[in-house]
C-alpha atoms as a PDB file:
ATOM      1  CA  MET A   1       0.038  -0.057  -0.099  1.00  0.00           C
ATOM      2  CA  ASP A   2       2.263   2.530   1.353  1.00  0.00           C
ATOM      3  CA  GLY A   3       4.439   3.538  -1.813  1.00  0.00           C
ATOM      4  CA  THR A   4       3.204   1.304  -4.381  1.00  0.00           C
ATOM      5  CA  ILE A   5      -0.879   2.617  -4.236  1.00  0.00           C
ATOM      6  CA  VAL A   6      -0.492   5.987  -2.193  1.00  0.00           C
ATOM      7  CA  ASP A   7       2.333   8.095  -1.458  1.00  0.00           C
ATOM      8  CA  THR A   8       2.223   8.035   2.100  1.00  0.00           C
ATOM      9  CA  GLU A   9       6.092   7.753   2.719  1.00  0.00           C
ATOM     10  CA  PRO A  10       6.470  11.667   3.180  1.00  0.00           C
ATOM     11  CA  LEU A  11       3.792  11.015   6.004  1.00  0.00           C
ATOM     12  CA  TRP A  12       5.823   8.478   7.704  1.00  0.00           C
ATOM     13  CA  ILE A  13       9.305  10.266   7.251  1.00  0.00           C
ATOM     14  CA  ALA A  14       7.824  14.361   8.649  1.00  0.00           C
ATOM     15  CA  ALA A  15       5.984  11.960  11.532  1.00  0.00           C
ATOM     16  CA  GLU A  16       9.325  10.286  12.311  1.00  0.00           C
ATOM     17  CA  GLN A  17      11.434  13.395  12.513  1.00  0.00           C
ATOM     18  CA  VAL A  18       8.688  15.522  14.317  1.00  0.00           C
ATOM     19  CA  LEU A  19       8.619  12.852  17.157  1.00  0.00           C
ATOM     20  CA  VAL A  20      12.424  12.216  17.353  1.00  0.00           C
ATOM     21  CA  GLU A  21      13.136  16.055  17.333  1.00  0.00           C
ATOM     22  CA  SER A  22      10.434  16.538  19.887  1.00  0.00           C
ATOM     23  CA  HIS A  23      12.624  14.555  22.239  1.00  0.00           C
ATOM     24  CA  GLY A  24      15.988  16.363  21.159  1.00  0.00           C
ATOM     25  CA  GLY A  25      17.461  13.769  19.231  1.00  0.00           C
ATOM     26  CA  SER A  26      18.225  14.183  15.268  1.00  0.00           C
ATOM     27  CA  TRP A  27      16.880  11.818  12.629  1.00  0.00           C
ATOM     28  CA  THR A  28      17.417  11.922   9.020  1.00  0.00           C
ATOM     29  CA  GLU A  29      15.620  10.975   5.449  1.00  0.00           C
ATOM     30  CA  GLU A  30      18.470   8.074   5.342  1.00  0.00           C
ATOM     31  CA  ASP A  31      17.013   7.147   8.861  1.00  0.00           C
ATOM     32  CA  SER A  32      13.735   6.840   7.575  1.00  0.00           C
ATOM     33  CA  LEU A  33      14.437   5.007   4.309  1.00  0.00           C
ATOM     34  CA  ALA A  34      16.008   2.606   6.234  1.00  0.00           C
ATOM     35  CA  LEU A  35      12.523   1.781   7.629  1.00  0.00           C
ATOM     36  CA  VAL A  36      10.435   1.177   4.415  1.00  0.00           C
ATOM     37  CA  GLY A  37       8.182  -1.438   4.231  1.00  0.00           C
ATOM     38  CA  SER A  38       8.869  -2.417   7.670  1.00  0.00           C
ATOM     39  CA  ASP A  39       6.833  -4.233  10.491  1.00  0.00           C
ATOM     40  CA  LEU A  40       5.555  -1.113  12.362  1.00  0.00           C
ATOM     41  CA  LEU A  41       6.659  -2.731  15.814  1.00  0.00           C
ATOM     42  CA  ALA A  42      10.387  -3.194  14.666  1.00  0.00           C
ATOM     43  CA  ALA A  43      10.469  -0.020  13.094  1.00  0.00           C
ATOM     44  CA  GLY A  44       9.193   1.154  16.465  1.00  0.00           C
ATOM     45  CA  GLU A  45      11.814  -0.342  18.127  1.00  0.00           C
ATOM     46  CA  TYR A  46      14.377   0.662  15.735  1.00  0.00           C
ATOM     47  CA  ILE A  47      13.564   4.607  16.432  1.00  0.00           C
ATOM     48  CA  ARG A  48      13.409   4.246  19.943  1.00  0.00           C
ATOM     49  CA  GLN A  49      16.881   2.850  20.175  1.00  0.00           C
ATOM     50  CA  ARG A  50      18.118   4.691  17.347  1.00  0.00           C
ATOM     51  CA  ALA A  51      17.044   8.246  18.896  1.00  0.00           C
ATOM     52  CA  GLY A  52      16.775   7.122  22.771  1.00  0.00           C
ATOM     53  CA  LEU A  53      13.357   7.823  22.822  1.00  0.00           C
ATOM     54  CA  PRO A  54      11.924   7.588  26.719  1.00  0.00           C
ATOM     55  CA  MET A  55       8.927   5.279  25.003  1.00  0.00           C
ATOM     56  CA  SER A  56       7.820   2.109  24.449  1.00  0.00           C
ATOM     57  CA  ALA A  57       8.152   0.354  20.769  1.00  0.00           C
ATOM     58  CA  GLU A  58       4.306   0.034  20.839  1.00  0.00           C
ATOM     59  CA  GLN A  59       4.128   3.822  22.388  1.00  0.00           C
ATOM     60  CA  VAL A  60       6.234   4.968  19.165  1.00  0.00           C
ATOM     61  CA  ARG A  61       4.253   2.284  16.719  1.00  0.00           C
ATOM     62  CA  ASP A  62       1.118   4.131  18.053  1.00  0.00           C
ATOM     63  CA  HIS A  63       2.227   7.806  17.378  1.00  0.00           C
ATOM     64  CA  LEU A  64       3.127   7.618  14.253  1.00  0.00           C
ATOM     65  CA  LEU A  65       0.053   5.598  13.187  1.00  0.00           C
ATOM     66  CA  ALA A  66      -2.206   8.395  14.473  1.00  0.00           C
ATOM     67  CA  GLU A  67       0.120  11.122  12.923  1.00  0.00           C
ATOM     68  CA  VAL A  68      -0.079   9.045   9.492  1.00  0.00           C
ATOM     69  CA  LEU A  69      -3.663   8.168   9.745  1.00  0.00           C
ATOM     70  CA  THR A  70      -4.757  12.106  10.165  1.00  0.00           C
ATOM     71  CA  GLY A  71      -2.766  12.791   6.937  1.00  0.00           C
ATOM     72  CA  VAL A  72      -4.656  10.215   4.889  1.00  0.00           C
ATOM     73  CA  LYS A  73      -7.918  11.005   6.126  1.00  0.00           C
ATOM     74  CA  ALA A  74      -7.015  14.478   4.613  1.00  0.00           C
ATOM     75  CA  GLY A  75      -6.867  12.977   1.162  1.00  0.00           C
ATOM     76  CA  VAL A  76      -4.411  10.643  -0.179  1.00  0.00           C
ATOM     77  CA  GLU A  77      -1.926  11.123  -3.204  1.00  0.00           C
ATOM     78  CA  TRP A  78      -2.374   8.116  -5.475  1.00  0.00           C
ATOM     79  CA  ARG A  79       0.907   6.767  -7.125  1.00  0.00           C
ATOM     80  CA  PRO A  80       0.959   7.291 -10.914  1.00  0.00           C
ATOM     81  CA  GLY A  81      -0.957   4.316 -12.886  1.00  0.00           C
ATOM     82  CA  ALA A  82      -2.212   2.754  -9.457  1.00  0.00           C
ATOM     83  CA  VAL A  83      -5.903   3.228  -9.467  1.00  0.00           C
ATOM     84  CA  GLU A  84      -6.299   2.675 -13.029  1.00  0.00           C
ATOM     85  CA  LEU A  85      -4.719  -0.876 -12.929  1.00  0.00           C
ATOM     86  CA  LEU A  86      -6.830  -1.703  -9.964  1.00  0.00           C
ATOM     87  CA  ALA A  87      -9.701  -0.404 -11.790  1.00  0.00           C
ATOM     88  CA  GLY A  88      -8.340  -2.634 -15.185  1.00  0.00           C
ATOM     89  CA  LEU A  89      -7.752  -5.676 -12.673  1.00  0.00           C
ATOM     90  CA  GLY A  90     -11.460  -5.415 -11.537  1.00  0.00           C
ATOM     91  CA  ARG A  91     -12.625  -5.119 -15.017  1.00  0.00           C
ATOM     92  CA  ALA A  92     -10.645  -8.425 -16.115  1.00  0.00           C
ATOM     93  CA  GLY A  93     -11.811 -10.365 -13.182  1.00  0.00           C
ATOM     94  CA  VAL A  94      -8.503 -10.881 -11.514  1.00  0.00           C
ATOM     95  CA  PRO A  95      -9.163 -10.999  -7.638  1.00  0.00           C
ATOM     96  CA  ALA A  96      -6.630  -8.580  -5.999  1.00  0.00           C
ATOM     97  CA  ALA A  97      -5.536  -8.317  -2.177  1.00  0.00           C
ATOM     98  CA  LEU A  98      -3.912  -5.459  -0.515  1.00  0.00           C
ATOM     99  CA  VAL A  99      -1.110  -6.782   1.394  1.00  0.00           C
ATOM    100  CA  THR A 100       0.396  -3.833   3.899  1.00  0.00           C
ATOM    101  CA  MET A 101       2.496  -3.629   6.767  1.00  0.00           C
ATOM    102  CA  SER A 102       0.214  -0.769   8.007  1.00  0.00           C
ATOM    103  CA  TYR A 103      -2.723  -1.647  10.265  1.00  0.00           C
ATOM    104  CA  ARG A 104      -6.075  -2.163   9.670  1.00  0.00           C
ATOM    105  CA  VAL A 105      -7.157   1.351  10.631  1.00  0.00           C
ATOM    106  CA  LEU A 106      -5.045   2.861   7.953  1.00  0.00           C
ATOM    107  CA  ALA A 107      -5.309   0.456   5.464  1.00  0.00           C
ATOM    108  CA  GLU A 108      -9.078   1.080   6.088  1.00  0.00           C
ATOM    109  CA  ALA A 109      -8.703   4.626   5.434  1.00  0.00           C
ATOM    110  CA  VAL A 110      -7.073   4.168   2.110  1.00  0.00           C
ATOM    111  CA  VAL A 111      -9.399   1.369   0.975  1.00  0.00           C
ATOM    112  CA  SER A 112     -12.560   3.170   1.687  1.00  0.00           C
ATOM    113  CA  GLN A 113     -11.245   6.065  -0.929  1.00  0.00           C
ATOM    114  CA  LEU A 114     -11.193   3.317  -3.812  1.00  0.00           C
ATOM    115  CA  PRO A 115     -14.224   1.936  -5.523  1.00  0.00           C
ATOM    116  CA  ALA A 116     -16.266  -0.970  -3.238  1.00  0.00           C
ATOM    117  CA  GLY A 117     -14.868  -4.060  -3.756  1.00  0.00           C
ATOM    118  CA  THR A 118     -11.500  -2.869  -5.572  1.00  0.00           C
ATOM    119  CA  PHE A 119      -9.694  -5.954  -3.087  1.00  0.00           C
ATOM    120  CA  THR A 120     -10.872  -9.183  -2.374  1.00  0.00           C
ATOM    121  CA  ALA A 121      -8.846  -9.177   1.022  1.00  0.00           C
ATOM    122  CA  VAL A 122      -6.968  -7.193   2.813  1.00  0.00           C
ATOM    123  CA  ILE A 123      -3.703  -8.332   5.098  1.00  0.00           C
ATOM    124  CA  THR A 124      -2.577  -5.632   7.538  1.00  0.00           C
ATOM    125  CA  GLY A 125       0.690  -5.970   9.791  1.00  0.00           C
ATOM    126  CA  ASP A 126      -1.607  -6.271  12.616  1.00  0.00           C
ATOM    127  CA  SER A 127      -3.474  -9.239  11.380  1.00  0.00           C
ATOM    128  CA  VAL A 128      -0.032 -11.570  11.044  1.00  0.00           C
ATOM    129  CA  SER A 129       2.616 -12.540  13.330  1.00  0.00           C
ATOM    130  CA  ARG A 130       5.845 -11.803  11.289  1.00  0.00           C
ATOM    131  CA  GLY A 131       5.640  -9.001   9.101  1.00  0.00           C
ATOM    132  CA  LYS A 132       7.825  -8.416   5.912  1.00  0.00           C
ATOM    133  CA  PRO A 133      10.264  -9.987   4.947  1.00  0.00           C
ATOM    134  CA  HIS A 134       8.887 -13.150   6.022  1.00  0.00           C
ATOM    135  CA  PRO A 135       6.842 -14.899   3.653  1.00  0.00           C
ATOM    136  CA  GLU A 136       3.560 -14.775   5.982  1.00  0.00           C
ATOM    137  CA  PRO A 137       1.911 -11.585   4.902  1.00  0.00           C
ATOM    138  CA  TYR A 138       1.431 -12.810   1.123  1.00  0.00           C
ATOM    139  CA  LEU A 139       0.902 -16.615   2.062  1.00  0.00           C
ATOM    140  CA  ALA A 140      -1.823 -15.371   4.202  1.00  0.00           C
ATOM    141  CA  ALA A 141      -3.285 -13.433   1.033  1.00  0.00           C
ATOM    142  CA  ALA A 142      -3.125 -16.318  -1.164  1.00  0.00           C
ATOM    143  CA  ALA A 143      -5.043 -18.377   1.369  1.00  0.00           C
ATOM    144  CA  GLU A 144      -7.592 -15.605   1.681  1.00  0.00           C
ATOM    145  CA  LEU A 145      -8.140 -15.557  -1.863  1.00  0.00           C
ATOM    146  CA  GLY A 146      -7.980 -19.269  -2.295  1.00  0.00           C
ATOM    147  CA  ILE A 147      -4.912 -19.041  -4.838  1.00  0.00           C
ATOM    148  CA  ALA A 148      -2.058 -20.971  -4.930  1.00  0.00           C
ATOM    149  CA  PRO A 149       1.041 -18.824  -4.210  1.00  0.00           C
ATOM    150  CA  ALA A 150       2.689 -19.817  -7.719  1.00  0.00           C
ATOM    151  CA  ASP A 151      -0.181 -18.479  -9.479  1.00  0.00           C
ATOM    152  CA  CYS A 152      -0.024 -15.151  -7.413  1.00  0.00           C
ATOM    153  CA  LEU A 153       1.629 -12.190  -8.450  1.00  0.00           C
ATOM    154  CA  VAL A 154       3.046  -9.315  -6.229  1.00  0.00           C
ATOM    155  CA  VAL A 155       3.448  -5.582  -6.937  1.00  0.00           C
ATOM    156  CA  GLU A 156       6.069  -4.004  -4.577  1.00  0.00           C
ATOM    157  CA  ASP A 157       7.997  -0.976  -4.001  1.00  0.00           C
ATOM    158  CA  SER A 158      10.167  -1.986  -1.217  1.00  0.00           C
ATOM    159  CA  PRO A 159      12.997  -4.517  -0.666  1.00  0.00           C
ATOM    160  CA  PRO A 160      11.179  -5.578   2.477  1.00  0.00           C
ATOM    161  CA  GLY A 161       8.133  -6.314   0.457  1.00  0.00           C
ATOM    162  CA  VAL A 162       9.831  -7.888  -2.574  1.00  0.00           C
ATOM    163  CA  ALA A 163      11.886 -10.317  -0.271  1.00  0.00           C
ATOM    164  CA  SER A 164       8.398 -11.642   1.384  1.00  0.00           C
ATOM    165  CA  GLY A 165       6.743 -12.213  -2.006  1.00  0.00           C
ATOM    166  CA  LEU A 166       9.771 -14.064  -3.476  1.00  0.00           C
ATOM    167  CA  ALA A 167      10.219 -16.137   0.030  1.00  0.00           C
ATOM    168  CA  ALA A 168       6.546 -16.998  -0.568  1.00  0.00           C
ATOM    169  CA  GLY A 169       7.231 -18.502  -3.667  1.00  0.00           C
ATOM    170  CA  MET A 170       5.359 -15.659  -5.723  1.00  0.00           C
ATOM    171  CA  ARG A 171       6.775 -14.108  -8.934  1.00  0.00           C
ATOM    172  CA  VAL A 172       6.988 -10.029  -8.058  1.00  0.00           C
ATOM    173  CA  VAL A 173       6.621  -6.914  -9.931  1.00  0.00           C
ATOM    174  CA  GLY A 174       9.010  -4.253  -8.049  1.00  0.00           C
ATOM    175  CA  VAL A 175       8.401  -0.461  -8.622  1.00  0.00           C
ATOM    176  CA  PRO A 176      10.679   1.244  -6.422  1.00  0.00           C
ATOM    177  CA  ASN A 177       9.767   4.582  -5.128  1.00  0.00           C
ATOM    178  CA  THR A 178      11.861   6.039  -2.187  1.00  0.00           C
ATOM    179  CA  VAL A 179      14.668   3.253  -1.956  1.00  0.00           C
ATOM    180  CA  ALA A 180      16.319   0.862  -4.812  1.00  0.00           C
ATOM    181  CA  ILE A 181      15.411  -2.706  -5.548  1.00  0.00           C
ATOM    182  CA  ASP A 182      18.184  -4.751  -6.118  1.00  0.00           C
ATOM    183  CA  PRO A 183      17.738  -7.608  -9.396  1.00  0.00           C
ATOM    184  CA  ALA A 184      16.639 -10.921  -8.346  1.00  0.00           C
ATOM    185  CA  PRO A 185      15.417 -14.134  -9.786  1.00  0.00           C
ATOM    186  CA  GLY A 186      11.670 -14.189  -9.812  1.00  0.00           C
ATOM    187  CA  LEU A 187      11.764 -10.461 -10.167  1.00  0.00           C
ATOM    188  CA  VAL A 188      10.942  -7.823 -12.610  1.00  0.00           C
ATOM    189  CA  LEU A 189      11.738  -4.351 -12.286  1.00  0.00           C
ATOM    190  CA  ILE A 190       9.673  -1.310 -13.670  1.00  0.00           C
ATOM    191  CA  ASP A 191       9.749   2.281 -13.356  1.00  0.00           C
ATOM    192  CA  SER A 192       6.088   3.346 -13.006  1.00  0.00           C
ATOM    193  CA  LEU A 193       2.497   1.641 -13.079  1.00  0.00           C
ATOM    194  CA  ALA A 194       1.621   4.579 -15.378  1.00  0.00           C
ATOM    195  CA  GLY A 195       0.122   3.383 -18.460  1.00  0.00           C
ATOM    196  CA  LEU A 196       0.369  -0.237 -17.639  1.00  0.00           C
ATOM    197  CA  ASP A 197      -2.687  -2.289 -18.497  1.00  0.00           C
ATOM    198  CA  VAL A 198      -3.366  -5.748 -17.219  1.00  0.00           C
ATOM    199  CA  ALA A 199      -2.132  -7.718 -20.070  1.00  0.00           C
ATOM    200  CA  GLU A 200       1.261  -5.990 -19.470  1.00  0.00           C
ATOM    201  CA  LEU A 201       1.029  -6.623 -15.857  1.00  0.00           C
ATOM    202  CA  LEU A 202       0.713 -10.384 -16.302  1.00  0.00           C
ATOM    203  CA  GLY A 203       2.654 -10.666 -19.222  1.00  0.00           C
ATOM    204  CA  SER A 204       5.760  -9.516 -16.829  1.00  0.00           C
ATOM    205  CA  VAL A 205       5.054 -13.349 -14.929  1.00  0.00           C
ATOM    206  CA  GLY A 206       7.087 -14.904 -17.641  1.00  0.00           C
ATOM    207  CA  ARG A 207       9.752 -12.498 -17.487  1.00  0.00           C
ATOM    208  CA  ALA A 208      10.230 -12.221 -13.512  1.00  0.00           C
ATOM    209  CA  ASP A 209      12.403 -15.603 -13.915  1.00  0.00           C
ATOM    210  CA  ALA A 210      15.133 -14.054 -15.283  1.00  0.00           C
ATOM    211  CA  GLY A 211      15.080 -10.901 -13.067  1.00  0.00           C
ATOM    212  CA  ARG A 212      14.612  -8.663 -16.137  1.00  0.00           C
ATOM    213  CA  ARG A 213      13.652  -5.026 -16.047  1.00  0.00           C
ATOM    214  CA  HIS A 214      10.814  -4.483 -18.381  1.00  0.00           C
END
């Protein structure tokens, strides 16, 4: 979700910086980028330790989630081509699942701004025991869709997300946003979803074995 469908990374980065600096610490964009795609509780612990915050990892997580939720409710900035591609998948009868390490309250705030039925399943960071890069989130999505992992195609913008999809035995299309993604077998890298139709997306499955850029 974050960085692939909606451009919420600036909200996360701003919230992290304000929190750390309000306690007299120093936080850089590079610090934030290191956490892109991570499990929220793990990110909270990283921030707590890195900045020496007088807060628990859970408190850090909850604070940041509330700040980002406020921003999302004010209106989201969709990533180029994302809404159009989701609509095309719906017209083609291709079931889609949203797999995000953001929590359900935030995912629902985003999904509510899309047409009803856009996603058949929604897997969030607070609905799994192990977050990305572990394969559990994507395996849970496949189970809810009733589709074998090998027949699923993942679209991701972060290294942890890509690793999660590949570990689940799925083909992955990487669309780097704020951080780079290294080539890997089973992965196709593209520059943007803009102008990408369903046929082109599904056609990338065959190229994924070679880890090629499309």
